[in-house]
Amino acid sequence: MPRSRTVNTSPSTLEFRLAEPADQAALVALLTDTYRGTWLPQLRAEVAERFERERRLDRYVAECREQFWLAVQDRQVVGMVHWRGDFLEALHVFRACQGRGIGGALLELAEARMRSAGIDVARLETDTFNLQSRAFYRKHGYAEVAEYPDTEWDSGFTTVLMRKHLSVNGL
């Protein structure tokens, strides 16, 4: 499969490609932007301090960067998607770039790659407080199928498991 592809969008071209070592700083900046806008306001101070002290975003990018697909516009990273098997690990778009179809295009890319790997159902998790994420995934055909305690953040959050059938027309 190709390591990059280009989609024409107004007013500029959106390119998709695998992340490279030179993208480390841009990816950490992207994840920091979405963390600060989404999770940080929900976290207890001690949980947020521990998260930042442990440099979890830097570690995640360093450990998994080679699996990330990027959305690049005007030579700037504007979003990323990461999946393993049938599980969508992460999809992030800079807050200033949201609402332009970038997230939907990244999701479409991930789902197409999953289908080509023979995967019939895509899964992901979000949190109940993340209404924007839940609405985005529902708009793209995902259904909420379970809720359970979120153990990742030590926060009291509730995780929502979402699922979508990837067969023709999502059936």
Protein backbone atom coordinates (compact mmCIF):
# COMPACT_ATOMS: atom_id res chain seq x y z
CA MET A 1 0.00 0.00 0.00
CA PRO A 2 1.20 3.54 -0.66
CA ARG A 3 2.86 5.40 2.20
CA SER A 4 1.08 8.65 1.29
CA ARG A 5 -1.89 10.00 -0.61
CA THR A 6 -3.25 13.42 -1.45
CA VAL A 7 -6.80 14.77 -1.31
CA ASN A 8 -7.80 18.05 -2.91
CA THR A 9 -9.64 20.27 -0.43
CA SER A 10 -10.42 23.96 -0.42
CA PRO A 11 -8.42 26.09 -0.18
CA SER A 12 -5.35 23.86 -0.13
CA THR A 13 -4.36 20.23 -0.56
CA LEU A 14 -4.56 17.80 2.34
CA GLU A 15 -1.87 15.12 2.19
CA PHE A 16 -1.87 11.89 4.19
CA ARG A 17 1.42 10.21 5.01
CA LEU A 18 3.10 8.08 7.62
CA ALA A 19 4.86 10.00 10.37
CA GLU A 20 8.62 10.44 10.21
CA PRO A 21 11.19 11.13 12.95
CA ALA A 22 11.16 14.85 12.05
CA ASP A 23 7.45 14.96 12.99
CA GLN A 24 8.07 14.24 16.70
CA ALA A 25 7.74 17.87 17.87
CA ALA A 26 4.68 18.59 15.70
CA LEU A 27 2.95 15.45 16.99
CA VAL A 28 3.64 16.32 20.62
CA ALA A 29 2.32 19.85 19.94
CA LEU A 30 -0.83 18.40 18.35
CA LEU A 31 -1.51 16.00 21.22
CA THR A 32 -0.75 18.74 23.77
CA ASP A 33 -3.24 21.04 22.05
CA THR A 34 -6.06 18.51 22.14
CA TYR A 35 -5.15 17.36 25.67
CA ARG A 36 -5.33 20.93 26.97
CA GLY A 37 -8.63 21.58 25.23
CA THR A 38 -10.36 18.31 26.09
CA TRP A 39 -8.93 16.38 29.04
CA LEU A 40 -7.03 18.92 31.15
CA PRO A 41 -10.17 20.86 32.17
CA GLN A 42 -11.70 17.58 33.40
CA LEU A 43 -8.73 16.30 35.42
CA ARG A 44 -8.03 16.76 39.09
CA ALA A 45 -4.90 18.86 39.61
CA GLU A 46 -2.81 15.95 40.95
CA VAL A 47 -3.75 13.73 37.99
CA ALA A 48 -2.83 16.47 35.50
CA GLU A 49 0.48 17.12 37.28
CA ARG A 50 1.36 13.43 37.21
CA PHE A 51 0.38 13.14 33.52
CA GLU A 52 2.67 16.02 32.58
CA ARG A 53 5.49 14.94 34.92
CA GLU A 54 5.46 11.47 33.32
CA ARG A 55 5.66 13.08 29.85
CA ARG A 56 3.07 10.61 28.61
CA LEU A 57 2.51 12.42 25.31
CA ASP A 58 6.22 12.44 24.47
CA ARG A 59 6.48 8.75 25.34
CA TYR A 60 3.40 7.82 23.29
CA VAL A 61 4.75 9.61 20.22
CA ALA A 62 8.24 8.12 20.65
CA GLU A 63 6.87 4.59 21.09
CA CYS A 64 4.17 4.60 18.39
CA ARG A 65 5.07 7.34 15.89
CA GLU A 66 5.88 4.90 13.09
CA GLN A 67 2.23 3.74 13.18
CA PHE A 68 0.75 7.25 12.92
CA TRP A 69 -0.83 8.54 9.73
CA LEU A 70 -0.70 12.32 9.45
CA ALA A 71 -2.88 14.88 7.75
CA VAL A 72 -0.59 17.59 6.39
CA GLN A 73 -1.83 20.86 4.94
CA ASP A 74 0.47 23.56 3.58
CA ARG A 75 3.41 21.48 4.89
CA GLN A 76 2.06 21.62 8.45
CA VAL A 77 0.81 18.66 10.47
CA VAL A 78 -2.86 19.38 11.17
CA GLY A 79 -4.01 15.97 12.41
CA MET A 80 -3.14 12.34 13.05
CA VAL A 81 -4.75 8.95 13.34
CA HIS A 82 -3.41 5.78 14.97
CA TRP A 83 -4.97 2.34 14.96
CA ARG A 84 -3.88 -1.18 15.82
CA GLY A 85 -5.83 -4.02 14.28
CA ASP A 86 -9.52 -3.21 14.74
CA PHE A 87 -8.97 -0.58 17.45
CA LEU A 88 -8.72 3.14 16.77
CA GLU A 89 -6.17 4.26 19.35
CA ALA A 90 -6.21 8.00 18.61
CA LEU A 91 -7.55 10.59 16.21
CA HIS A 92 -6.54 14.21 16.82
CA VAL A 93 -6.90 17.43 14.85
CA PHE A 94 -5.52 20.77 16.06
CA ARG A 95 -8.42 22.67 17.63
CA ALA A 96 -7.86 25.60 15.24
CA CYS A 97 -8.29 23.20 12.27
CA GLN A 98 -11.39 21.36 13.47
CA GLY A 99 -14.59 21.62 11.46
CA ARG A 100 -12.81 21.40 8.08
CA GLY A 101 -13.35 17.70 7.42
CA ILE A 102 -9.81 16.69 8.42
CA GLY A 103 -10.95 14.34 11.19
CA GLY A 104 -13.48 12.70 8.89
CA ALA A 105 -10.83 12.23 6.21
CA LEU A 106 -8.42 10.67 8.74
CA LEU A 107 -11.17 8.37 10.00
CA GLU A 108 -12.03 7.36 6.43
CA LEU A 109 -8.34 6.56 5.80
CA ALA A 110 -8.12 4.38 8.92
CA GLU A 111 -11.35 2.55 8.13
CA ALA A 112 -10.27 1.91 4.53
CA ARG A 113 -6.97 0.46 5.75
CA MET A 114 -8.79 -1.70 8.28
CA ARG A 115 -11.16 -2.99 5.58
CA SER A 116 -8.23 -3.81 3.31
CA ALA A 117 -6.74 -5.82 6.19
CA GLY A 118 -9.96 -7.85 6.41
CA ILE A 119 -11.32 -6.17 9.52
CA ASP A 120 -15.14 -6.11 9.66
CA VAL A 121 -15.70 -4.03 12.80
CA ALA A 122 -13.81 -0.98 14.07
CA ARG A 123 -13.76 -0.18 17.78
CA LEU A 124 -12.70 2.86 19.79
CA GLU A 125 -13.06 4.37 23.23
CA THR A 126 -13.88 7.89 24.34
CA ASP A 127 -15.15 9.31 27.60
CA THR A 128 -18.71 10.22 28.52
CA PHE A 129 -17.75 13.86 29.17
CA ASN A 130 -16.29 14.19 25.64
CA LEU A 131 -19.51 15.15 23.89
CA GLN A 132 -17.70 16.51 20.82
CA SER A 133 -15.93 13.20 20.23
CA ARG A 134 -19.06 11.15 20.81
CA ALA A 135 -21.05 13.28 18.36
CA PHE A 136 -18.26 13.10 15.76
CA TYR A 137 -18.11 9.31 15.86
CA ARG A 138 -21.90 8.92 15.86
CA LYS A 139 -22.02 11.17 12.78
CA HIS A 140 -19.60 8.75 11.12
CA GLY A 141 -21.67 5.66 11.90
CA TYR A 142 -20.31 4.52 15.27
CA ALA A 143 -22.67 3.23 17.92
CA GLU A 144 -22.11 3.38 21.67
CA VAL A 145 -22.16 -0.22 22.86
CA ALA A 146 -20.83 -0.19 26.43
CA GLU A 147 -19.71 2.02 29.32
CA TYR A 148 -17.22 1.16 32.05
CA PRO A 149 -14.85 2.89 34.48
CA ASP A 150 -11.90 4.63 32.84
CA THR A 151 -8.75 3.20 34.41
CA GLU A 152 -6.24 5.13 32.28
CA TRP A 153 -6.68 8.58 33.85
CA ASP A 154 -7.28 7.69 37.54
CA SER A 155 -10.03 10.27 37.32
CA GLY A 156 -13.41 8.76 37.92
CA PHE A 157 -14.24 9.16 34.21
CA THR A 158 -16.51 6.71 32.45
CA THR A 159 -15.29 5.22 29.17
CA VAL A 160 -17.64 4.71 26.24
CA LEU A 161 -16.90 1.84 23.85
CA MET A 162 -18.04 2.59 20.30
CA ARG A 163 -18.20 0.26 17.34
CA LYS A 164 -18.87 0.42 13.61
CA HIS A 165 -19.34 -2.33 11.06
CA LEU A 166 -16.96 -1.72 8.16
CA SER A 167 -18.62 -3.85 5.53
CA VAL A 168 -20.19 -2.21 2.46
CA ASN A 169 -22.32 0.79 3.50
CA GLY A 170 -21.50 0.11 7.15
CA LEU A 171 -23.96 -2.82 7.33
